[in-house]
N, C-alpha and C. Protein backbone atom coordinates (compact mmCIF):
# COMPACT_ATOMS: atom_id res chain seq x y z
N ALA A 1 2.14 16.93 -19.28
CA ALA A 1 2.67 15.66 -18.81
C ALA A 1 1.84 15.12 -17.65
N PHE A 2 1.41 16.03 -16.75
CA PHE A 2 0.62 15.56 -15.60
C PHE A 2 -0.74 15.03 -16.04
N ALA A 3 -1.34 15.67 -17.08
CA ALA A 3 -2.64 15.19 -17.55
C ALA A 3 -2.51 13.77 -18.11
N LEU A 4 -1.47 13.53 -18.89
CA LEU A 4 -1.25 12.20 -19.43
C LEU A 4 -1.01 11.19 -18.32
N MET A 5 -0.23 11.60 -17.30
CA MET A 5 0.03 10.70 -16.18
C MET A 5 -1.26 10.39 -15.43
N SER A 6 -2.12 11.39 -15.27
CA SER A 6 -3.39 11.17 -14.58
C SER A 6 -4.26 10.18 -15.33
N HIS A 7 -4.29 10.30 -16.67
CA HIS A 7 -5.07 9.35 -17.47
C HIS A 7 -4.53 7.94 -17.32
N LYS A 8 -3.22 7.81 -17.37
CA LYS A 8 -2.59 6.49 -17.25
C LYS A 8 -2.84 5.92 -15.85
N ALA A 9 -2.68 6.75 -14.85
CA ALA A 9 -2.90 6.29 -13.48
C ALA A 9 -4.34 5.82 -13.28
N MET A 10 -5.28 6.57 -13.81
CA MET A 10 -6.68 6.18 -13.66
C MET A 10 -7.02 4.93 -14.47
N SER A 11 -6.38 4.77 -15.62
CA SER A 11 -6.59 3.54 -16.39
C SER A 11 -6.11 2.33 -15.60
N ILE A 12 -4.96 2.46 -14.97
CA ILE A 12 -4.42 1.36 -14.16
C ILE A 12 -5.32 1.08 -12.97
N ALA A 13 -5.80 2.14 -12.32
CA ALA A 13 -6.70 1.96 -11.18
C ALA A 13 -7.99 1.26 -11.60
N ALA A 14 -8.53 1.64 -12.76
CA ALA A 14 -9.78 1.03 -13.24
C ALA A 14 -9.56 -0.45 -13.57
N ILE A 15 -8.44 -0.76 -14.20
CA ILE A 15 -8.12 -2.16 -14.49
C ILE A 15 -7.95 -2.94 -13.19
N ALA A 16 -7.29 -2.34 -12.23
CA ALA A 16 -7.04 -3.01 -10.95
C ALA A 16 -8.34 -3.33 -10.22
N VAL A 17 -9.25 -2.38 -10.17
CA VAL A 17 -10.50 -2.64 -9.45
C VAL A 17 -11.35 -3.66 -10.19
N SER A 18 -11.32 -3.62 -11.51
CA SER A 18 -12.05 -4.62 -12.29
C SER A 18 -11.49 -6.02 -12.05
N ALA A 19 -10.17 -6.12 -11.99
CA ALA A 19 -9.53 -7.41 -11.69
C ALA A 19 -9.93 -7.89 -10.30
N CYS A 20 -9.98 -6.99 -9.34
CA CYS A 20 -10.41 -7.36 -7.98
C CYS A 20 -11.81 -7.96 -8.02
N GLU A 21 -12.70 -7.28 -8.68
CA GLU A 21 -14.09 -7.74 -8.73
C GLU A 21 -14.21 -9.09 -9.46
N HIS A 22 -13.49 -9.23 -10.54
CA HIS A 22 -13.55 -10.47 -11.32
C HIS A 22 -13.00 -11.66 -10.53
N ILE A 23 -11.83 -11.50 -9.96
CA ILE A 23 -11.21 -12.61 -9.22
C ILE A 23 -11.98 -12.90 -7.94
N TYR A 24 -12.53 -11.88 -7.32
CA TYR A 24 -13.38 -12.11 -6.16
C TYR A 24 -14.57 -12.99 -6.55
N ALA A 25 -15.23 -12.64 -7.66
CA ALA A 25 -16.40 -13.41 -8.10
C ALA A 25 -16.03 -14.86 -8.40
N LEU A 26 -14.89 -15.07 -9.06
CA LEU A 26 -14.44 -16.43 -9.32
C LEU A 26 -14.15 -17.18 -8.02
N SER A 27 -13.56 -16.50 -7.07
CA SER A 27 -13.20 -17.13 -5.80
C SER A 27 -14.44 -17.44 -4.97
N LEU A 28 -15.41 -16.57 -5.02
CA LEU A 28 -16.67 -16.82 -4.33
C LEU A 28 -17.34 -18.07 -4.89
N ASP A 29 -17.39 -18.17 -6.21
CA ASP A 29 -17.96 -19.36 -6.84
C ASP A 29 -17.16 -20.61 -6.45
N TYR A 30 -15.84 -20.49 -6.45
CA TYR A 30 -14.98 -21.61 -6.07
C TYR A 30 -15.29 -22.05 -4.64
N ALA A 31 -15.42 -21.09 -3.72
CA ALA A 31 -15.68 -21.41 -2.32
C ALA A 31 -17.02 -22.10 -2.13
N LYS A 32 -17.95 -21.82 -3.01
CA LYS A 32 -19.27 -22.46 -2.92
C LYS A 32 -19.26 -23.90 -3.42
N THR A 33 -18.28 -24.24 -4.25
CA THR A 33 -18.27 -25.58 -4.86
C THR A 33 -17.13 -26.47 -4.38
N ARG A 34 -16.03 -25.91 -3.96
CA ARG A 34 -14.87 -26.71 -3.52
C ARG A 34 -15.16 -27.26 -2.14
N GLU A 35 -14.99 -28.55 -1.99
CA GLU A 35 -15.29 -29.18 -0.71
C GLU A 35 -14.03 -29.59 0.04
N ALA A 36 -14.11 -29.47 1.33
CA ALA A 36 -13.10 -29.98 2.26
C ALA A 36 -13.85 -30.49 3.48
N PHE A 37 -13.43 -31.63 3.98
CA PHE A 37 -14.09 -32.24 5.13
C PHE A 37 -15.58 -32.46 4.87
N GLY A 38 -15.91 -32.75 3.62
CA GLY A 38 -17.28 -33.10 3.27
C GLY A 38 -18.25 -31.95 3.08
N LYS A 39 -17.77 -30.73 3.06
CA LYS A 39 -18.68 -29.61 2.82
C LYS A 39 -17.93 -28.48 2.10
N PRO A 40 -18.67 -27.60 1.42
CA PRO A 40 -18.04 -26.51 0.68
C PRO A 40 -17.19 -25.63 1.61
N ILE A 41 -16.02 -25.21 1.13
CA ILE A 41 -15.15 -24.39 1.98
C ILE A 41 -15.81 -23.05 2.33
N GLY A 42 -16.76 -22.63 1.52
CA GLY A 42 -17.48 -21.39 1.79
C GLY A 42 -18.38 -21.45 3.00
N THR A 43 -18.58 -22.65 3.56
CA THR A 43 -19.41 -22.77 4.76
C THR A 43 -18.58 -22.59 6.04
N PHE A 44 -17.25 -22.59 5.91
CA PHE A 44 -16.39 -22.41 7.08
C PHE A 44 -16.34 -20.92 7.45
N GLN A 45 -16.41 -20.66 8.74
CA GLN A 45 -16.46 -19.27 9.20
C GLN A 45 -15.26 -18.45 8.74
N ASN A 46 -14.06 -19.03 8.78
CA ASN A 46 -12.88 -18.29 8.35
C ASN A 46 -13.00 -17.87 6.88
N THR A 47 -13.49 -18.78 6.05
CA THR A 47 -13.66 -18.46 4.64
C THR A 47 -14.73 -17.40 4.46
N GLN A 48 -15.82 -17.51 5.20
CA GLN A 48 -16.88 -16.50 5.12
C GLN A 48 -16.37 -15.13 5.52
N PHE A 49 -15.60 -15.07 6.61
CA PHE A 49 -15.05 -13.79 7.05
C PHE A 49 -14.08 -13.23 6.03
N LYS A 50 -13.24 -14.10 5.45
CA LYS A 50 -12.28 -13.64 4.45
C LYS A 50 -13.01 -13.11 3.23
N LEU A 51 -14.03 -13.82 2.77
CA LEU A 51 -14.80 -13.35 1.63
C LEU A 51 -15.50 -12.03 1.93
N ALA A 52 -15.97 -11.86 3.15
CA ALA A 52 -16.60 -10.59 3.54
C ALA A 52 -15.58 -9.45 3.50
N GLU A 53 -14.38 -9.71 3.99
CA GLU A 53 -13.32 -8.69 3.95
C GLU A 53 -12.98 -8.31 2.52
N LEU A 54 -12.83 -9.32 1.67
CA LEU A 54 -12.45 -9.07 0.28
C LEU A 54 -13.54 -8.32 -0.47
N LYS A 55 -14.80 -8.67 -0.22
CA LYS A 55 -15.91 -7.95 -0.85
C LYS A 55 -15.91 -6.49 -0.40
N SER A 56 -15.66 -6.26 0.87
CA SER A 56 -15.62 -4.89 1.39
C SER A 56 -14.49 -4.09 0.74
N GLU A 57 -13.31 -4.70 0.62
CA GLU A 57 -12.17 -4.01 0.03
C GLU A 57 -12.42 -3.70 -1.45
N ALA A 58 -12.97 -4.65 -2.18
CA ALA A 58 -13.27 -4.42 -3.59
C ALA A 58 -14.31 -3.33 -3.76
N THR A 59 -15.30 -3.32 -2.88
CA THR A 59 -16.34 -2.30 -2.96
C THR A 59 -15.77 -0.91 -2.66
N MET A 60 -14.94 -0.81 -1.63
CA MET A 60 -14.34 0.49 -1.31
C MET A 60 -13.45 0.98 -2.45
N ALA A 61 -12.71 0.07 -3.06
CA ALA A 61 -11.87 0.45 -4.20
C ALA A 61 -12.74 0.93 -5.36
N ARG A 62 -13.84 0.23 -5.62
CA ARG A 62 -14.75 0.64 -6.71
C ARG A 62 -15.33 2.03 -6.45
N VAL A 63 -15.73 2.29 -5.21
CA VAL A 63 -16.31 3.59 -4.87
C VAL A 63 -15.27 4.69 -5.11
N PHE A 64 -14.03 4.47 -4.71
CA PHE A 64 -12.98 5.48 -4.91
C PHE A 64 -12.71 5.69 -6.39
N VAL A 65 -12.59 4.62 -7.15
CA VAL A 65 -12.34 4.75 -8.60
C VAL A 65 -13.51 5.48 -9.26
N ASN A 66 -14.73 5.11 -8.92
CA ASN A 66 -15.89 5.79 -9.50
C ASN A 66 -15.89 7.28 -9.15
N HIS A 67 -15.53 7.60 -7.93
CA HIS A 67 -15.42 9.01 -7.53
C HIS A 67 -14.40 9.73 -8.41
N CYS A 68 -13.25 9.10 -8.61
CA CYS A 68 -12.19 9.70 -9.43
C CYS A 68 -12.64 9.88 -10.87
N VAL A 69 -13.36 8.91 -11.41
CA VAL A 69 -13.87 9.02 -12.77
C VAL A 69 -14.85 10.20 -12.86
N GLY A 70 -15.69 10.33 -11.86
CA GLY A 70 -16.62 11.46 -11.83
C GLY A 70 -15.89 12.80 -11.80
N GLU A 71 -14.84 12.86 -11.00
CA GLU A 71 -14.03 14.09 -10.95
C GLU A 71 -13.35 14.35 -12.29
N HIS A 72 -12.87 13.30 -12.92
CA HIS A 72 -12.24 13.43 -14.24
C HIS A 72 -13.23 13.95 -15.27
N LEU A 73 -14.44 13.41 -15.27
CA LEU A 73 -15.45 13.84 -16.23
C LEU A 73 -15.83 15.31 -16.05
N LYS A 74 -15.70 15.81 -14.82
CA LYS A 74 -15.97 17.23 -14.54
C LYS A 74 -14.73 18.09 -14.78
N GLY A 75 -13.61 17.44 -15.14
CA GLY A 75 -12.37 18.18 -15.34
C GLY A 75 -11.73 18.62 -14.04
N GLN A 76 -12.03 17.92 -12.95
CA GLN A 76 -11.57 18.33 -11.63
C GLN A 76 -10.67 17.31 -10.95
N LEU A 77 -10.27 16.26 -11.65
CA LEU A 77 -9.41 15.26 -11.04
C LEU A 77 -7.98 15.77 -10.99
N SER A 78 -7.44 15.83 -9.79
CA SER A 78 -6.05 16.27 -9.65
C SER A 78 -5.11 15.10 -9.92
N SER A 79 -3.90 15.43 -10.33
CA SER A 79 -2.91 14.37 -10.55
C SER A 79 -2.58 13.70 -9.22
N THR A 80 -2.71 14.41 -8.13
CA THR A 80 -2.46 13.83 -6.80
C THR A 80 -3.48 12.74 -6.50
N THR A 81 -4.74 13.04 -6.73
CA THR A 81 -5.78 12.05 -6.47
C THR A 81 -5.66 10.87 -7.43
N ALA A 82 -5.32 11.13 -8.67
CA ALA A 82 -5.10 10.03 -9.63
C ALA A 82 -3.94 9.15 -9.16
N SER A 83 -2.89 9.77 -8.63
CA SER A 83 -1.75 9.00 -8.11
C SER A 83 -2.18 8.15 -6.92
N MET A 84 -3.03 8.73 -6.06
CA MET A 84 -3.55 7.97 -4.92
C MET A 84 -4.33 6.75 -5.40
N ALA A 85 -5.15 6.95 -6.42
CA ALA A 85 -5.96 5.85 -6.94
C ALA A 85 -5.07 4.75 -7.51
N LYS A 86 -4.09 5.14 -8.30
CA LYS A 86 -3.21 4.16 -8.93
C LYS A 86 -2.48 3.33 -7.90
N TYR A 87 -1.86 4.00 -6.92
CA TYR A 87 -1.06 3.24 -5.95
C TYR A 87 -1.95 2.43 -5.01
N TRP A 88 -3.02 3.03 -4.50
CA TRP A 88 -3.81 2.34 -3.48
C TRP A 88 -4.60 1.16 -4.08
N VAL A 89 -5.22 1.38 -5.22
CA VAL A 89 -6.04 0.31 -5.80
C VAL A 89 -5.17 -0.82 -6.32
N SER A 90 -4.00 -0.50 -6.87
CA SER A 90 -3.13 -1.59 -7.33
C SER A 90 -2.56 -2.36 -6.14
N ASP A 91 -2.32 -1.69 -5.02
CA ASP A 91 -1.92 -2.42 -3.81
C ASP A 91 -3.06 -3.33 -3.33
N ILE A 92 -4.28 -2.81 -3.33
CA ILE A 92 -5.44 -3.61 -2.93
C ILE A 92 -5.59 -4.81 -3.86
N GLN A 93 -5.38 -4.58 -5.16
CA GLN A 93 -5.47 -5.67 -6.13
C GLN A 93 -4.51 -6.80 -5.75
N CYS A 94 -3.28 -6.45 -5.45
CA CYS A 94 -2.29 -7.49 -5.10
C CYS A 94 -2.70 -8.22 -3.82
N GLU A 95 -3.12 -7.47 -2.82
CA GLU A 95 -3.51 -8.08 -1.55
C GLU A 95 -4.74 -8.97 -1.72
N LEU A 96 -5.74 -8.47 -2.42
CA LEU A 96 -6.98 -9.22 -2.59
C LEU A 96 -6.74 -10.51 -3.38
N ILE A 97 -6.02 -10.41 -4.47
CA ILE A 97 -5.78 -11.60 -5.28
C ILE A 97 -4.90 -12.59 -4.54
N ASP A 98 -3.96 -12.10 -3.74
CA ASP A 98 -3.14 -13.00 -2.94
C ASP A 98 -4.02 -13.80 -1.98
N GLU A 99 -4.99 -13.15 -1.38
CA GLU A 99 -5.92 -13.85 -0.48
C GLU A 99 -6.77 -14.86 -1.26
N CYS A 100 -7.13 -14.51 -2.50
CA CYS A 100 -7.91 -15.44 -3.33
C CYS A 100 -7.08 -16.66 -3.70
N VAL A 101 -5.79 -16.45 -3.95
CA VAL A 101 -4.89 -17.58 -4.20
C VAL A 101 -4.92 -18.51 -3.00
N GLN A 102 -4.85 -17.94 -1.81
CA GLN A 102 -4.88 -18.73 -0.58
C GLN A 102 -6.18 -19.52 -0.46
N LEU A 103 -7.29 -18.89 -0.80
CA LEU A 103 -8.59 -19.58 -0.74
C LEU A 103 -8.64 -20.76 -1.70
N HIS A 104 -7.91 -20.66 -2.80
CA HIS A 104 -7.88 -21.75 -3.78
C HIS A 104 -6.94 -22.89 -3.37
N GLY A 105 -6.19 -22.68 -2.31
CA GLY A 105 -5.26 -23.71 -1.86
C GLY A 105 -4.24 -24.03 -2.94
N GLY A 106 -3.92 -25.31 -3.10
CA GLY A 106 -2.92 -25.73 -4.08
C GLY A 106 -3.25 -25.34 -5.50
N TYR A 107 -4.54 -25.25 -5.81
CA TYR A 107 -4.93 -24.85 -7.16
C TYR A 107 -4.62 -23.38 -7.42
N GLY A 108 -4.44 -22.61 -6.38
CA GLY A 108 -4.24 -21.17 -6.51
C GLY A 108 -2.98 -20.77 -7.26
N TYR A 109 -2.00 -21.65 -7.29
CA TYR A 109 -0.77 -21.30 -8.01
C TYR A 109 -0.59 -22.12 -9.28
N MET A 110 -1.63 -22.81 -9.69
CA MET A 110 -1.59 -23.57 -10.94
C MET A 110 -2.16 -22.68 -12.05
N LEU A 111 -1.40 -22.50 -13.12
CA LEU A 111 -1.80 -21.56 -14.17
C LEU A 111 -3.08 -21.97 -14.89
N GLU A 112 -3.56 -23.17 -14.67
CA GLU A 112 -4.84 -23.57 -15.26
C GLU A 112 -6.00 -22.81 -14.61
N TYR A 113 -5.76 -22.23 -13.45
CA TYR A 113 -6.78 -21.47 -12.74
C TYR A 113 -6.54 -19.99 -12.96
N PRO A 114 -7.58 -19.24 -13.31
CA PRO A 114 -7.42 -17.80 -13.59
C PRO A 114 -6.82 -17.02 -12.43
N VAL A 115 -7.03 -17.47 -11.21
CA VAL A 115 -6.52 -16.74 -10.06
C VAL A 115 -4.99 -16.72 -10.06
N ALA A 116 -4.37 -17.77 -10.54
CA ALA A 116 -2.90 -17.81 -10.59
C ALA A 116 -2.36 -16.78 -11.58
N ARG A 117 -2.95 -16.73 -12.76
CA ARG A 117 -2.51 -15.75 -13.76
C ARG A 117 -2.79 -14.33 -13.27
N ALA A 118 -3.92 -14.13 -12.63
CA ALA A 118 -4.27 -12.80 -12.11
C ALA A 118 -3.28 -12.35 -11.05
N TRP A 119 -2.79 -13.30 -10.26
CA TRP A 119 -1.80 -12.98 -9.22
C TRP A 119 -0.51 -12.48 -9.86
N ILE A 120 -0.09 -13.15 -10.93
CA ILE A 120 1.12 -12.73 -11.64
C ILE A 120 0.91 -11.35 -12.26
N ASP A 121 -0.21 -11.17 -12.93
CA ASP A 121 -0.50 -9.90 -13.60
C ASP A 121 -0.65 -8.75 -12.62
N ALA A 122 -1.21 -9.01 -11.46
CA ALA A 122 -1.43 -7.96 -10.47
C ALA A 122 -0.13 -7.29 -10.05
N ARG A 123 0.92 -8.07 -9.95
CA ARG A 123 2.19 -7.52 -9.47
C ARG A 123 2.72 -6.43 -10.40
N ALA A 124 2.47 -6.57 -11.69
CA ALA A 124 2.94 -5.56 -12.65
C ALA A 124 2.22 -4.23 -12.46
N GLN A 125 1.00 -4.26 -11.96
CA GLN A 125 0.22 -3.03 -11.77
C GLN A 125 0.94 -2.04 -10.85
N ARG A 126 1.69 -2.56 -9.90
CA ARG A 126 2.37 -1.69 -8.94
C ARG A 126 3.66 -1.11 -9.51
N ILE A 127 4.04 -1.55 -10.72
CA ILE A 127 5.30 -1.12 -11.32
C ILE A 127 5.07 -0.17 -12.49
N TYR A 128 4.30 -0.62 -13.49
CA TYR A 128 4.21 0.21 -14.69
C TYR A 128 3.29 1.40 -14.48
N GLY A 129 3.46 2.37 -15.37
CA GLY A 129 2.71 3.61 -15.24
C GLY A 129 3.27 4.50 -14.14
N GLY A 130 4.46 4.17 -13.67
CA GLY A 130 5.07 4.85 -12.53
C GLY A 130 4.90 3.97 -11.32
N THR A 131 6.00 3.58 -10.72
CA THR A 131 5.91 2.69 -9.56
C THR A 131 5.07 3.32 -8.46
N ASN A 132 4.57 2.49 -7.57
CA ASN A 132 3.78 3.03 -6.47
C ASN A 132 4.61 3.93 -5.57
N GLU A 133 5.92 3.69 -5.52
CA GLU A 133 6.78 4.59 -4.75
C GLU A 133 6.82 5.98 -5.41
N ILE A 134 6.83 6.01 -6.73
CA ILE A 134 6.79 7.30 -7.44
C ILE A 134 5.45 7.99 -7.19
N MET A 135 4.36 7.21 -7.18
CA MET A 135 3.04 7.80 -6.89
C MET A 135 3.05 8.45 -5.50
N LYS A 136 3.65 7.78 -4.53
CA LYS A 136 3.72 8.33 -3.18
C LYS A 136 4.59 9.59 -3.14
N GLU A 137 5.65 9.59 -3.94
CA GLU A 137 6.50 10.78 -4.03
C GLU A 137 5.70 11.96 -4.59
N LEU A 138 4.93 11.72 -5.63
CA LEU A 138 4.11 12.78 -6.21
C LEU A 138 3.08 13.28 -5.21
N ILE A 139 2.46 12.37 -4.50
CA ILE A 139 1.47 12.76 -3.47
C ILE A 139 2.14 13.58 -2.39
N SER A 140 3.30 13.12 -1.93
CA SER A 140 3.98 13.81 -0.81
C SER A 140 4.39 15.23 -1.17
N ARG A 141 4.60 15.51 -2.42
CA ARG A 141 4.98 16.87 -2.84
C ARG A 141 3.85 17.86 -2.65
N THR A 142 2.63 17.37 -2.49
CA THR A 142 1.49 18.28 -2.33
C THR A 142 1.08 18.45 -0.86
N LEU A 143 1.79 17.79 0.03
CA LEU A 143 1.41 17.85 1.45
C LEU A 143 1.91 19.12 2.11
């Protein structure tokens, strides 16, 4: 049962980090083309700093997921580490996409924009495959 849970948890973590990277890329492109006050919003320092934070978070999530995949391929991934990946990366997914919605302004919650649909979909990541609270319970049992 734990092996199956680890596979499911890692699948969710991989989907979450891929969604982070995809929505980040869309938001970066949006920031380069969307104008406010006569210039692209990506030229404003606050937007630049936010994009830098989001890129850093997505990169750290990718490094952790890749590490977990490497451990899995060696047959050494623990269910605890898989639980950590599932809960942490899906939390990062929700936070990152929420910030991308904010960067899109009013368009961010319009379903015609992929960021709005991604925001809705991200929330489910923290629930299915075992809620993130269950993941934390499993992790805490090994402390």
